Amino acid sequence: MRYRLFGPSGIRVSEICLGTMSFGDVWGFGADEKESHRIVDAFAEEGGNFIDTANKYHEGQTEEILGRYIATDRDHWVIGSKYTLAIRSDDPNAAGNSRKNLRQSVEGSLRRLGTDYLDILWVHAWDHTCAVEEVMRALDDLVHAGTTLAVGFSDGPAWVVAQANAVASVRGWTGFSGLQFPCSLIDRTAAPEVMTFADSERLPFLAWAPTGGGY
């Protein structure tokens, strides 16, 4: 396994990142806890240390399964989780990029993962509602509090990242250290714009669903 720097954060991550959206069965598909842990075992044996999850995956079950696995050696792992997608159907503030949703989402993720910090917190999607300044200031507060060590951006326009990092640089706030988008032989949506932007800014690019969901 080769290792790379996660952008300006300086965190060293395995070149292959293990996605965990299939850990759990609340959505009617996926692996049970024993099988999920077996998958992480195989990943670790090959030198992998970088795991991607999200508070939304299987309505939190995925983070609980992962949390029980990493409990014995938390600091060895580079754990990235996400916020933005709805976590409660009866609460209009339990979704989006707002500081309010950020706070409750991250607190929930930490509790389920059984840890007091994330290595990377990803903005799961861009809601086109919150001001860039509001989001970046809220994320910077989490970094300064030690709640997350770095922040990343997933599934949104490259211009948002450009604007956000420019604002962060001017204000002395933490900028996005990496990007995450779907990319495979059947989905090249990110290729023309996002990958070119990531390359020009020397930001790591994580391709999710690299096999096109099995196609």
C-alpha atoms as a PDB file:
ATOM      1  CA  MET A   1       0.000   0.000   0.000  1.00  0.00           C
ATOM      2  CA  ARG A   2       1.257   3.456  -0.875  1.00  0.00           C
ATOM      3  CA  TYR A   3       0.486   6.532   1.179  1.00  0.00           C
ATOM      4  CA  ARG A   4      -0.236  10.097   0.175  1.00  0.00           C
ATOM      5  CA  LEU A   5      -0.643  13.398   1.961  1.00  0.00           C
ATOM      6  CA  PHE A   6      -4.240  14.524   2.379  1.00  0.00           C
ATOM      7  CA  GLY A   7      -3.595  17.918   0.836  1.00  0.00           C
ATOM      8  CA  PRO A   8      -2.310  20.706   3.089  1.00  0.00           C
ATOM      9  CA  SER A   9      -3.498  18.902   6.225  1.00  0.00           C
ATOM     10  CA  GLY A  10      -0.317  16.818   6.330  1.00  0.00           C
ATOM     11  CA  ILE A  11      -2.301  13.700   7.295  1.00  0.00           C
ATOM     12  CA  ARG A  12      -0.896  10.563   5.658  1.00  0.00           C
ATOM     13  CA  VAL A  13      -3.570   8.344   4.160  1.00  0.00           C
ATOM     14  CA  SER A  14      -3.479   5.070   2.276  1.00  0.00           C
ATOM     15  CA  GLU A  15      -3.885   5.524  -1.463  1.00  0.00           C
ATOM     16  CA  ILE A  16      -7.012   3.372  -1.283  1.00  0.00           C
ATOM     17  CA  CYS A  17      -9.808   4.608   0.966  1.00  0.00           C
ATOM     18  CA  LEU A  18     -12.345   2.108   2.280  1.00  0.00           C
ATOM     19  CA  GLY A  19     -15.940   3.238   1.782  1.00  0.00           C
ATOM     20  CA  THR A  20     -18.503   1.930   4.259  1.00  0.00           C
ATOM     21  CA  MET A  21     -21.926   2.690   2.800  1.00  0.00           C
ATOM     22  CA  SER A  22     -22.641  -1.060   2.700  1.00  0.00           C
ATOM     23  CA  PHE A  23     -21.889  -1.536   6.415  1.00  0.00           C
ATOM     24  CA  GLY A  24     -25.294  -2.184   7.976  1.00  0.00           C
ATOM     25  CA  ASP A  25     -28.711  -3.404   6.913  1.00  0.00           C
ATOM     26  CA  VAL A  26     -31.185  -0.681   7.871  1.00  0.00           C
ATOM     27  CA  TRP A  27     -31.627   0.250   4.213  1.00  0.00           C
ATOM     28  CA  GLY A  28     -32.463  -3.333   3.282  1.00  0.00           C
ATOM     29  CA  PHE A  29     -29.044  -4.226   1.886  1.00  0.00           C
ATOM     30  CA  GLY A  30     -25.481  -4.459   3.096  1.00  0.00           C
ATOM     31  CA  ALA A  31     -23.204  -6.418   5.403  1.00  0.00           C
ATOM     32  CA  ASP A  32     -23.850  -7.300   9.032  1.00  0.00           C
ATOM     33  CA  GLU A  33     -21.384  -6.283  11.726  1.00  0.00           C
ATOM     34  CA  LYS A  34     -19.308  -9.462  11.587  1.00  0.00           C
ATOM     35  CA  GLU A  35     -18.870  -9.242   7.820  1.00  0.00           C
ATOM     36  CA  SER A  36     -18.186  -5.505   7.967  1.00  0.00           C
ATOM     37  CA  HIS A  37     -15.416  -6.074  10.509  1.00  0.00           C
ATOM     38  CA  ARG A  38     -13.971  -8.852   8.344  1.00  0.00           C
ATOM     39  CA  ILE A  39     -13.775  -6.383   5.452  1.00  0.00           C
ATOM     40  CA  VAL A  40     -11.918  -3.845   7.593  1.00  0.00           C
ATOM     41  CA  ASP A  41      -9.563  -6.606   8.762  1.00  0.00           C
ATOM     42  CA  ALA A  42      -8.682  -7.417   5.145  1.00  0.00           C
ATOM     43  CA  PHE A  43      -8.180  -3.720   4.383  1.00  0.00           C
ATOM     44  CA  ALA A  44      -5.894  -3.293   7.404  1.00  0.00           C
ATOM     45  CA  GLU A  45      -3.835  -6.355   6.460  1.00  0.00           C
ATOM     46  CA  GLU A  46      -3.036  -4.669   3.136  1.00  0.00           C
ATOM     47  CA  GLY A  47      -1.898  -1.505   4.898  1.00  0.00           C
ATOM     48  CA  GLY A  48      -5.062   0.569   4.591  1.00  0.00           C
ATOM     49  CA  ASN A  49      -5.659   3.227   7.221  1.00  0.00           C
ATOM     50  CA  PHE A  50      -8.182   5.573   5.539  1.00  0.00           C
ATOM     51  CA  ILE A  51     -11.916   4.935   6.082  1.00  0.00           C
ATOM     52  CA  ASP A  52     -14.837   6.953   4.750  1.00  0.00           C
ATOM     53  CA  THR A  53     -18.285   6.972   6.349  1.00  0.00           C
ATOM     54  CA  ALA A  54     -21.221   9.337   6.880  1.00  0.00           C
ATOM     55  CA  ASN A  55     -23.830  10.070   9.512  1.00  0.00           C
ATOM     56  CA  LYS A  56     -26.556   9.263   6.972  1.00  0.00           C
ATOM     57  CA  TYR A  57     -25.350   5.761   6.066  1.00  0.00           C
ATOM     58  CA  HIS A  58     -27.950   3.256   7.258  1.00  0.00           C
ATOM     59  CA  GLU A  59     -29.349   6.027   9.465  1.00  0.00           C
ATOM     60  CA  GLY A  60     -26.310   5.935  11.757  1.00  0.00           C
ATOM     61  CA  GLN A  61     -25.866   2.156  11.967  1.00  0.00           C
ATOM     62  CA  THR A  62     -22.739   2.281   9.796  1.00  0.00           C
ATOM     63  CA  GLU A  63     -20.945   4.620  12.187  1.00  0.00           C
ATOM     64  CA  GLU A  64     -21.910   2.423  15.144  1.00  0.00           C
ATOM     65  CA  ILE A  65     -20.465  -0.681  13.444  1.00  0.00           C
ATOM     66  CA  LEU A  66     -17.288   1.162  12.530  1.00  0.00           C
ATOM     67  CA  GLY A  67     -16.976   2.715  15.975  1.00  0.00           C
ATOM     68  CA  ARG A  68     -16.898  -0.656  17.675  1.00  0.00           C
ATOM     69  CA  TYR A  69     -14.140  -1.801  15.320  1.00  0.00           C
ATOM     70  CA  ILE A  70     -11.803   1.173  15.767  1.00  0.00           C
ATOM     71  CA  ALA A  71     -12.284   1.360  19.544  1.00  0.00           C
ATOM     72  CA  THR A  72      -9.156  -0.668  20.301  1.00  0.00           C
ATOM     73  CA  ASP A  73      -6.791   1.523  18.241  1.00  0.00           C
ATOM     74  CA  ARG A  74      -8.598   4.744  17.333  1.00  0.00           C
ATOM     75  CA  ASP A  75      -5.522   6.863  16.633  1.00  0.00           C
ATOM     76  CA  HIS A  76      -4.193   4.462  14.003  1.00  0.00           C
ATOM     77  CA  TRP A  77      -7.154   5.165  11.726  1.00  0.00           C
ATOM     78  CA  VAL A  78      -7.874   8.177   9.555  1.00  0.00           C
ATOM     79  CA  ILE A  79     -11.646   8.464   9.836  1.00  0.00           C
ATOM     80  CA  GLY A  80     -13.693  10.759   7.643  1.00  0.00           C
ATOM     81  CA  SER A  81     -17.413  11.293   8.164  1.00  0.00           C
ATOM     82  CA  LYS A  82     -19.939  13.656   6.607  1.00  0.00           C
ATOM     83  CA  TYR A  83     -22.829  15.957   7.398  1.00  0.00           C
ATOM     84  CA  THR A  84     -25.562  17.696   5.368  1.00  0.00           C
ATOM     85  CA  LEU A  85     -28.123  15.037   4.399  1.00  0.00           C
ATOM     86  CA  ALA A  86     -31.322  14.807   6.459  1.00  0.00           C
ATOM     87  CA  ILE A  87     -31.006  12.858   9.699  1.00  0.00           C
ATOM     88  CA  ARG A  88     -34.582  13.446  10.921  1.00  0.00           C
ATOM     89  CA  SER A  89     -37.689  13.660   8.771  1.00  0.00           C
ATOM     90  CA  ASP A  90     -39.632  15.689  11.357  1.00  0.00           C
ATOM     91  CA  ASP A  91     -37.079  18.494  11.783  1.00  0.00           C
ATOM     92  CA  PRO A  92     -36.441  21.034   8.997  1.00  0.00           C
ATOM     93  CA  ASN A  93     -33.156  22.012  10.658  1.00  0.00           C
ATOM     94  CA  ALA A  94     -31.795  18.452  10.653  1.00  0.00           C
ATOM     95  CA  ALA A  95     -30.459  18.840   7.111  1.00  0.00           C
ATOM     96  CA  GLY A  96     -28.376  21.258   5.077  1.00  0.00           C
ATOM     97  CA  ASN A  97     -25.103  23.095   5.596  1.00  0.00           C
ATOM     98  CA  SER A  98     -26.197  25.287   8.506  1.00  0.00           C
ATOM     99  CA  ARG A  99     -24.236  25.602  11.719  1.00  0.00           C
ATOM    100  CA  LYS A 100     -27.211  24.167  13.621  1.00  0.00           C
ATOM    101  CA  ASN A 101     -27.299  20.997  11.540  1.00  0.00           C
ATOM    102  CA  LEU A 102     -23.500  20.823  11.589  1.00  0.00           C
ATOM    103  CA  ARG A 103     -23.435  20.804  15.361  1.00  0.00           C
ATOM    104  CA  GLN A 104     -26.071  18.127  15.903  1.00  0.00           C
ATOM    105  CA  SER A 105     -24.731  15.989  13.051  1.00  0.00           C
ATOM    106  CA  VAL A 106     -21.137  15.986  14.291  1.00  0.00           C
ATOM    107  CA  GLU A 107     -22.163  15.382  17.901  1.00  0.00           C
ATOM    108  CA  GLY A 108     -24.161  12.365  16.732  1.00  0.00           C
ATOM    109  CA  SER A 109     -21.281  11.031  14.630  1.00  0.00           C
ATOM    110  CA  LEU A 110     -18.810  11.304  17.509  1.00  0.00           C
ATOM    111  CA  ARG A 111     -21.194   9.485  19.817  1.00  0.00           C
ATOM    112  CA  ARG A 112     -21.826   6.643  17.372  1.00  0.00           C
ATOM    113  CA  LEU A 113     -18.153   6.305  16.453  1.00  0.00           C
ATOM    114  CA  GLY A 114     -17.124   6.366  20.112  1.00  0.00           C
ATOM    115  CA  THR A 115     -14.454   9.008  19.540  1.00  0.00           C
ATOM    116  CA  ASP A 116     -13.858  12.609  20.523  1.00  0.00           C
ATOM    117  CA  TYR A 117     -12.541  13.738  17.137  1.00  0.00           C
ATOM    118  CA  LEU A 118     -12.767  13.146  13.400  1.00  0.00           C
ATOM    119  CA  ASP A 119      -9.738  13.224  11.162  1.00  0.00           C
ATOM    120  CA  ILE A 120     -11.766  14.647   8.271  1.00  0.00           C
ATOM    121  CA  LEU A 121     -15.246  16.127   8.175  1.00  0.00           C
ATOM    122  CA  TRP A 122     -16.764  16.245   4.705  1.00  0.00           C
ATOM    123  CA  VAL A 123     -19.528  18.571   3.596  1.00  0.00           C
ATOM    124  CA  HIS A 124     -21.690  15.841   2.058  1.00  0.00           C
ATOM    125  CA  ALA A 125     -23.463  18.101  -0.425  1.00  0.00           C
ATOM    126  CA  TRP A 126     -23.972  21.799  -1.088  1.00  0.00           C
ATOM    127  CA  ASP A 127     -27.456  23.093  -0.214  1.00  0.00           C
ATOM    128  CA  HIS A 128     -27.170  26.404  -2.148  1.00  0.00           C
ATOM    129  CA  THR A 129     -28.779  28.088   0.865  1.00  0.00           C
ATOM    130  CA  CYS A 130     -26.138  28.881   3.476  1.00  0.00           C
ATOM    131  CA  ALA A 131     -23.563  31.557   2.786  1.00  0.00           C
ATOM    132  CA  VAL A 132     -20.072  30.279   2.063  1.00  0.00           C
ATOM    133  CA  GLU A 133     -18.729  32.501   4.858  1.00  0.00           C
ATOM    134  CA  GLU A 134     -21.124  30.954   7.394  1.00  0.00           C
ATOM    135  CA  VAL A 135     -20.153  27.398   6.489  1.00  0.00           C
ATOM    136  CA  MET A 136     -16.408  28.016   6.457  1.00  0.00           C
ATOM    137  CA  ARG A 137     -16.452  29.873   9.774  1.00  0.00           C
ATOM    138  CA  ALA A 138     -18.441  27.053  11.382  1.00  0.00           C
ATOM    139  CA  LEU A 139     -16.024  24.429  10.037  1.00  0.00           C
ATOM    140  CA  ASP A 140     -13.032  26.488  11.169  1.00  0.00           C
ATOM    141  CA  ASP A 141     -14.479  26.630  14.684  1.00  0.00           C
ATOM    142  CA  LEU A 142     -14.579  22.816  14.746  1.00  0.00           C
ATOM    143  CA  VAL A 143     -10.961  22.584  13.613  1.00  0.00           C
ATOM    144  CA  HIS A 144      -9.819  25.043  16.274  1.00  0.00           C
ATOM    145  CA  ALA A 145     -11.774  23.099  18.891  1.00  0.00           C
ATOM    146  CA  GLY A 146     -10.017  19.900  17.826  1.00  0.00           C
ATOM    147  CA  THR A 147     -13.313  18.266  16.898  1.00  0.00           C
ATOM    148  CA  THR A 148     -12.011  17.607  13.386  1.00  0.00           C
ATOM    149  CA  LEU A 149      -8.479  17.869  12.059  1.00  0.00           C
ATOM    150  CA  ALA A 150      -9.350  18.723   8.447  1.00  0.00           C
ATOM    151  CA  VAL A 151     -12.371  19.421   6.261  1.00  0.00           C
ATOM    152  CA  GLY A 152     -13.315  18.297   2.772  1.00  0.00           C
ATOM    153  CA  PHE A 153     -16.017  18.871   0.167  1.00  0.00           C
ATOM    154  CA  SER A 154     -18.189  16.283  -1.566  1.00  0.00           C
ATOM    155  CA  ASP A 155     -20.636  16.340  -4.467  1.00  0.00           C
ATOM    156  CA  GLY A 156     -20.940  20.002  -5.395  1.00  0.00           C
ATOM    157  CA  PRO A 157     -19.704  22.583  -7.904  1.00  0.00           C
ATOM    158  CA  ALA A 158     -15.993  23.270  -8.120  1.00  0.00           C
ATOM    159  CA  TRP A 159     -16.720  27.008  -8.023  1.00  0.00           C
ATOM    160  CA  VAL A 160     -18.049  26.622  -4.458  1.00  0.00           C
ATOM    161  CA  VAL A 161     -14.748  25.128  -3.316  1.00  0.00           C
ATOM    162  CA  ALA A 162     -12.827  27.868  -5.116  1.00  0.00           C
ATOM    163  CA  GLN A 163     -14.904  30.583  -3.469  1.00  0.00           C
ATOM    164  CA  ALA A 164     -14.829  28.881  -0.073  1.00  0.00           C
ATOM    165  CA  ASN A 165     -11.065  28.418  -0.039  1.00  0.00           C
ATOM    166  CA  ALA A 166     -10.518  31.983  -1.210  1.00  0.00           C
ATOM    167  CA  VAL A 167     -12.716  33.290   1.613  1.00  0.00           C
ATOM    168  CA  ALA A 168     -10.972  31.032   4.124  1.00  0.00           C
ATOM    169  CA  SER A 169      -7.545  32.195   2.978  1.00  0.00           C
ATOM    170  CA  VAL A 170      -8.436  35.882   3.297  1.00  0.00           C
ATOM    171  CA  ARG A 171     -10.043  35.405   6.730  1.00  0.00           C
ATOM    172  CA  GLY A 172      -7.360  33.077   8.079  1.00  0.00           C
ATOM    173  CA  TRP A 173      -9.820  30.176   8.375  1.00  0.00           C
ATOM    174  CA  THR A 174      -9.347  26.502   7.560  1.00  0.00           C
ATOM    175  CA  GLY A 175      -9.997  25.691   3.897  1.00  0.00           C
ATOM    176  CA  PHE A 176     -11.034  22.451   2.239  1.00  0.00           C
ATOM    177  CA  SER A 177      -8.145  19.985   2.061  1.00  0.00           C
ATOM    178  CA  GLY A 178      -9.714  17.510  -0.368  1.00  0.00           C
ATOM    179  CA  LEU A 179     -12.571  16.771  -2.752  1.00  0.00           C
ATOM    180  CA  GLN A 180     -14.783  13.703  -3.115  1.00  0.00           C
ATOM    181  CA  PHE A 181     -16.996  12.945  -6.118  1.00  0.00           C
ATOM    182  CA  PRO A 182     -18.350   9.942  -8.014  1.00  0.00           C
ATOM    183  CA  CYS A 183     -16.026   8.943 -10.822  1.00  0.00           C
ATOM    184  CA  SER A 184     -15.898   5.767 -12.880  1.00  0.00           C
ATOM    185  CA  LEU A 185     -15.772   4.604 -16.482  1.00  0.00           C
ATOM    186  CA  ILE A 186     -19.538   5.120 -16.726  1.00  0.00           C
ATOM    187  CA  ASP A 187     -19.703   8.382 -14.764  1.00  0.00           C
ATOM    188  CA  ARG A 188     -17.240  11.019 -15.894  1.00  0.00           C
ATOM    189  CA  THR A 189     -19.286  13.992 -14.648  1.00  0.00           C
ATOM    190  CA  ALA A 190     -16.499  15.161 -12.354  1.00  0.00           C
ATOM    191  CA  ALA A 191     -13.718  14.738 -14.886  1.00  0.00           C
ATOM    192  CA  PRO A 192     -13.860  17.983 -16.919  1.00  0.00           C
ATOM    193  CA  GLU A 193     -14.341  20.474 -14.095  1.00  0.00           C
ATOM    194  CA  VAL A 194     -13.693  19.046 -10.655  1.00  0.00           C
ATOM    195  CA  MET A 195     -10.658  16.897 -11.420  1.00  0.00           C
ATOM    196  CA  THR A 196      -9.040  19.720 -13.372  1.00  0.00           C
ATOM    197  CA  PHE A 197      -9.685  22.098 -10.484  1.00  0.00           C
ATOM    198  CA  ALA A 198      -8.334  19.613  -7.929  1.00  0.00           C
ATOM    199  CA  ASP A 199      -5.185  19.154  -9.991  1.00  0.00           C
ATOM    200  CA  SER A 200      -4.621  22.887 -10.390  1.00  0.00           C
ATOM    201  CA  GLU A 201      -5.071  23.491  -6.643  1.00  0.00           C
ATOM    202  CA  ARG A 202      -3.088  20.364  -5.643  1.00  0.00           C
ATOM    203  CA  LEU A 203      -6.034  19.008  -3.692  1.00  0.00           C
ATOM    204  CA  PRO A 204      -6.510  15.239  -3.339  1.00  0.00           C
ATOM    205  CA  PHE A 205      -9.436  13.814  -5.291  1.00  0.00           C
ATOM    206  CA  LEU A 206     -11.319  10.815  -3.897  1.00  0.00           C
ATOM    207  CA  ALA A 207     -13.390   8.909  -6.431  1.00  0.00           C
ATOM    208  CA  TRP A 208     -16.391   7.224  -4.893  1.00  0.00           C
ATOM    209  CA  ALA A 209     -18.274   4.416  -6.662  1.00  0.00           C
ATOM    210  CA  PRO A 210     -15.175   3.800  -8.806  1.00  0.00           C
ATOM    211  CA  THR A 211     -16.746   0.644 -10.250  1.00  0.00           C
ATOM    212  CA  GLY A 212     -19.966   2.457 -11.117  1.00  0.00           C
ATOM    213  CA  GLY A 213     -21.956   0.680  -8.443  1.00  0.00           C
ATOM    214  CA  GLY A 214     -20.868  -2.677  -9.820  1.00  0.00           C
ATOM    215  CA  TYR A 215     -21.663  -1.991 -13.474  1.00  0.00           C
END
